[in-house]
N, C-alpha and C. Protein backbone atom coordinates (compact mmCIF):
# COMPACT_ATOMS: atom_id res chain seq x y z
N MET A 1 148.38 -21.63 259.07
CA MET A 1 149.13 -20.56 259.68
C MET A 1 149.22 -19.35 258.89
N VAL A 2 149.08 -18.15 259.61
CA VAL A 2 149.04 -16.94 258.97
C VAL A 2 150.47 -16.27 258.76
N LYS A 3 150.86 -15.81 257.80
CA LYS A 3 152.26 -15.24 257.65
C LYS A 3 151.97 -13.80 257.33
N TYR A 4 152.74 -12.93 257.99
CA TYR A 4 152.65 -11.50 258.03
C TYR A 4 153.48 -10.88 257.11
N PHE A 5 153.15 -10.24 256.11
CA PHE A 5 154.06 -9.51 255.05
C PHE A 5 153.65 -8.22 254.98
N GLU A 6 154.43 -7.26 255.44
CA GLU A 6 154.29 -5.78 255.25
C GLU A 6 155.04 -5.16 254.16
N ILE A 7 154.45 -4.26 253.39
CA ILE A 7 155.07 -3.58 252.38
C ILE A 7 154.87 -2.11 252.61
N ARG A 8 155.74 -1.32 252.52
CA ARG A 8 155.88 0.01 252.70
C ARG A 8 156.43 0.71 251.53
N ASP A 9 155.65 1.59 250.75
CA ASP A 9 156.05 2.21 249.70
C ASP A 9 156.47 3.67 250.09
N MET A 10 157.68 3.94 249.81
CA MET A 10 158.25 5.28 250.32
C MET A 10 158.30 6.05 249.16
N ASN A 11 157.65 6.10 247.99
CA ASN A 11 157.62 6.80 246.98
C ASN A 11 157.25 8.17 247.19
N GLY A 12 158.08 9.19 247.03
CA GLY A 12 157.80 10.46 247.11
C GLY A 12 158.15 10.95 248.44
N ALA A 13 158.65 10.08 249.52
CA ALA A 13 158.97 10.48 250.79
C ALA A 13 160.27 11.12 250.91
N ALA A 14 160.47 12.19 251.12
CA ALA A 14 161.92 12.94 251.26
C ALA A 14 162.48 12.56 252.62
N ILE A 15 163.90 12.54 252.79
CA ILE A 15 164.49 12.36 253.86
C ILE A 15 164.18 13.37 254.99
N ALA A 16 163.80 14.69 254.71
CA ALA A 16 163.62 15.57 255.56
C ALA A 16 162.22 15.21 256.19
N THR A 17 161.11 14.77 255.31
CA THR A 17 159.89 14.52 255.78
C THR A 17 159.92 13.21 256.74
N LEU A 18 160.91 12.33 256.50
CA LEU A 18 160.87 10.94 257.17
C LEU A 18 161.40 11.56 258.63
N MET A 19 162.29 12.44 258.49
CA MET A 19 163.01 12.81 259.88
C MET A 19 161.89 13.53 260.80
N SER A 20 161.22 14.39 260.23
CA SER A 20 160.34 15.38 261.03
C SER A 20 158.88 14.61 261.37
N GLU A 21 158.22 14.17 260.18
CA GLU A 21 156.78 13.59 260.38
C GLU A 21 156.98 12.05 260.47
N GLY A 22 157.88 11.49 259.69
CA GLY A 22 157.94 9.94 259.87
C GLY A 22 158.43 9.35 260.88
N THR A 23 159.21 9.90 261.69
CA THR A 23 160.04 9.42 263.00
C THR A 23 159.04 8.71 263.90
N ASN A 24 157.84 9.20 264.07
CA ASN A 24 156.76 8.71 264.89
C ASN A 24 156.14 7.56 264.32
N GLN A 25 156.07 7.57 262.95
CA GLN A 25 155.46 6.37 262.28
C GLN A 25 156.28 5.21 262.25
N LEU A 26 157.69 5.55 262.02
CA LEU A 26 158.82 4.48 262.03
C LEU A 26 158.95 3.92 263.21
N SER A 27 158.71 4.64 264.37
CA SER A 27 158.79 4.27 265.77
C SER A 27 157.80 3.17 266.24
N LYS A 28 156.52 3.62 265.67
CA LYS A 28 155.19 2.74 265.80
C LYS A 28 155.28 1.33 265.11
N ILE A 29 156.03 1.58 263.81
CA ILE A 29 156.19 0.23 263.04
C ILE A 29 157.20 -0.74 263.65
N LYS A 30 158.36 0.06 264.13
CA LYS A 30 159.41 -0.83 264.90
C LYS A 30 158.71 -1.61 266.09
N THR A 31 158.15 -0.80 266.87
CA THR A 31 157.34 -1.30 268.37
C THR A 31 156.40 -2.48 267.94
N THR A 32 155.49 -2.08 266.80
CA THR A 32 154.69 -3.15 266.48
C THR A 32 155.30 -4.55 265.92
N LEU A 33 156.21 -4.33 265.10
CA LEU A 33 156.94 -5.62 264.53
C LEU A 33 157.84 -6.36 265.69
N GLY A 34 158.17 -5.50 266.78
CA GLY A 34 159.11 -6.17 267.64
C GLY A 34 158.18 -6.86 268.67
N LEU A 35 156.93 -6.40 268.87
CA LEU A 35 156.07 -7.08 269.76
C LEU A 35 155.55 -8.39 269.18
N VAL A 36 155.25 -8.27 267.81
CA VAL A 36 154.53 -9.26 267.28
C VAL A 36 155.88 -10.61 267.10
N GLN A 37 157.05 -9.95 266.71
CA GLN A 37 157.95 -10.99 266.69
C GLN A 37 158.41 -11.72 267.81
N ASP A 38 158.30 -10.87 269.08
CA ASP A 38 158.49 -11.52 270.39
C ASP A 38 157.59 -12.52 270.82
N PHE A 39 156.33 -12.22 270.58
CA PHE A 39 155.15 -13.08 270.97
C PHE A 39 154.66 -14.28 269.87
N TYR A 40 154.81 -13.86 268.66
CA TYR A 40 154.61 -14.64 267.59
C TYR A 40 155.40 -14.76 266.48
N PRO A 41 156.72 -15.34 266.74
CA PRO A 41 157.67 -15.19 265.74
C PRO A 41 157.46 -15.78 264.49
N GLU A 42 156.55 -16.89 264.55
CA GLU A 42 156.32 -17.51 263.18
C GLU A 42 155.45 -16.65 262.32
N MET A 43 154.91 -15.69 262.72
CA MET A 43 153.81 -14.65 262.02
C MET A 43 154.49 -13.96 261.03
N ILE A 44 155.72 -13.29 261.49
CA ILE A 44 156.48 -12.21 260.49
C ILE A 44 157.24 -13.02 259.47
N HIS A 45 156.93 -12.96 258.42
CA HIS A 45 157.49 -13.74 257.23
C HIS A 45 158.46 -12.56 256.50
N GLN A 46 157.99 -11.37 256.16
CA GLN A 46 158.89 -10.43 255.52
C GLN A 46 158.37 -9.17 255.76
N VAL A 47 159.42 -8.20 255.73
CA VAL A 47 159.24 -6.74 255.55
C VAL A 47 159.79 -6.32 254.45
N ALA A 48 158.90 -5.61 253.56
CA ALA A 48 159.56 -4.96 252.50
C ALA A 48 159.39 -3.33 252.31
N VAL A 49 160.45 -2.63 252.07
CA VAL A 49 160.52 -1.25 251.79
C VAL A 49 160.85 -1.03 250.38
N LEU A 50 159.75 -0.51 249.74
CA LEU A 50 159.92 -0.14 248.25
C LEU A 50 160.15 1.38 248.08
N ASN A 51 160.82 1.63 246.94
CA ASN A 51 160.90 2.99 246.36
C ASN A 51 161.64 3.83 247.58
N SER A 52 162.50 3.47 248.29
CA SER A 52 163.13 4.51 249.30
C SER A 52 164.36 4.98 248.48
N THR A 53 164.75 6.26 249.35
CA THR A 53 165.77 6.91 248.94
C THR A 53 167.24 6.14 249.22
N SER A 54 168.31 6.32 248.71
CA SER A 54 169.46 5.67 249.07
C SER A 54 169.95 5.91 250.35
N ALA A 55 169.55 6.86 251.12
CA ALA A 55 169.98 7.19 252.43
C ALA A 55 169.01 6.58 253.37
N PHE A 56 167.97 5.83 253.02
CA PHE A 56 167.16 5.28 253.92
C PHE A 56 167.75 4.03 254.33
N SER A 57 167.71 3.71 255.58
CA SER A 57 168.26 2.50 256.12
C SER A 57 167.27 1.70 256.99
N GLY A 58 166.23 2.40 257.23
CA GLY A 58 165.24 1.54 258.11
C GLY A 58 165.27 2.14 259.39
N PRO A 59 164.22 1.56 260.15
CA PRO A 59 164.32 2.18 261.76
C PRO A 59 165.43 1.73 262.22
N PRO A 60 165.74 2.44 263.36
CA PRO A 60 167.05 2.20 264.02
C PRO A 60 166.88 0.55 264.68
N GLY A 61 167.75 0.01 264.82
CA GLY A 61 167.76 -1.29 265.37
C GLY A 61 166.87 -2.36 264.73
N LEU A 62 166.34 -2.10 263.52
CA LEU A 62 165.73 -3.10 262.74
C LEU A 62 166.57 -3.56 261.62
N LYS A 63 166.97 -4.82 261.65
CA LYS A 63 167.94 -5.36 260.53
C LYS A 63 167.34 -5.53 259.37
N ILE A 64 167.81 -5.06 258.27
CA ILE A 64 167.06 -5.20 256.85
C ILE A 64 167.88 -5.79 256.03
């Protein structure tokens, strides 16, 4: 069985950048992970966000 492990390195990403340019990418990540989890819940093993700022809490609605 395949396990899906996603790693996102946020090194150098400022909150302002995430709010302007990153919102679209975070939305796509959330949508993709949501679809995979809905149809293949056994595949998502872990999602890790590394080197994030203290204000980063993840995409809205995604429990970290």
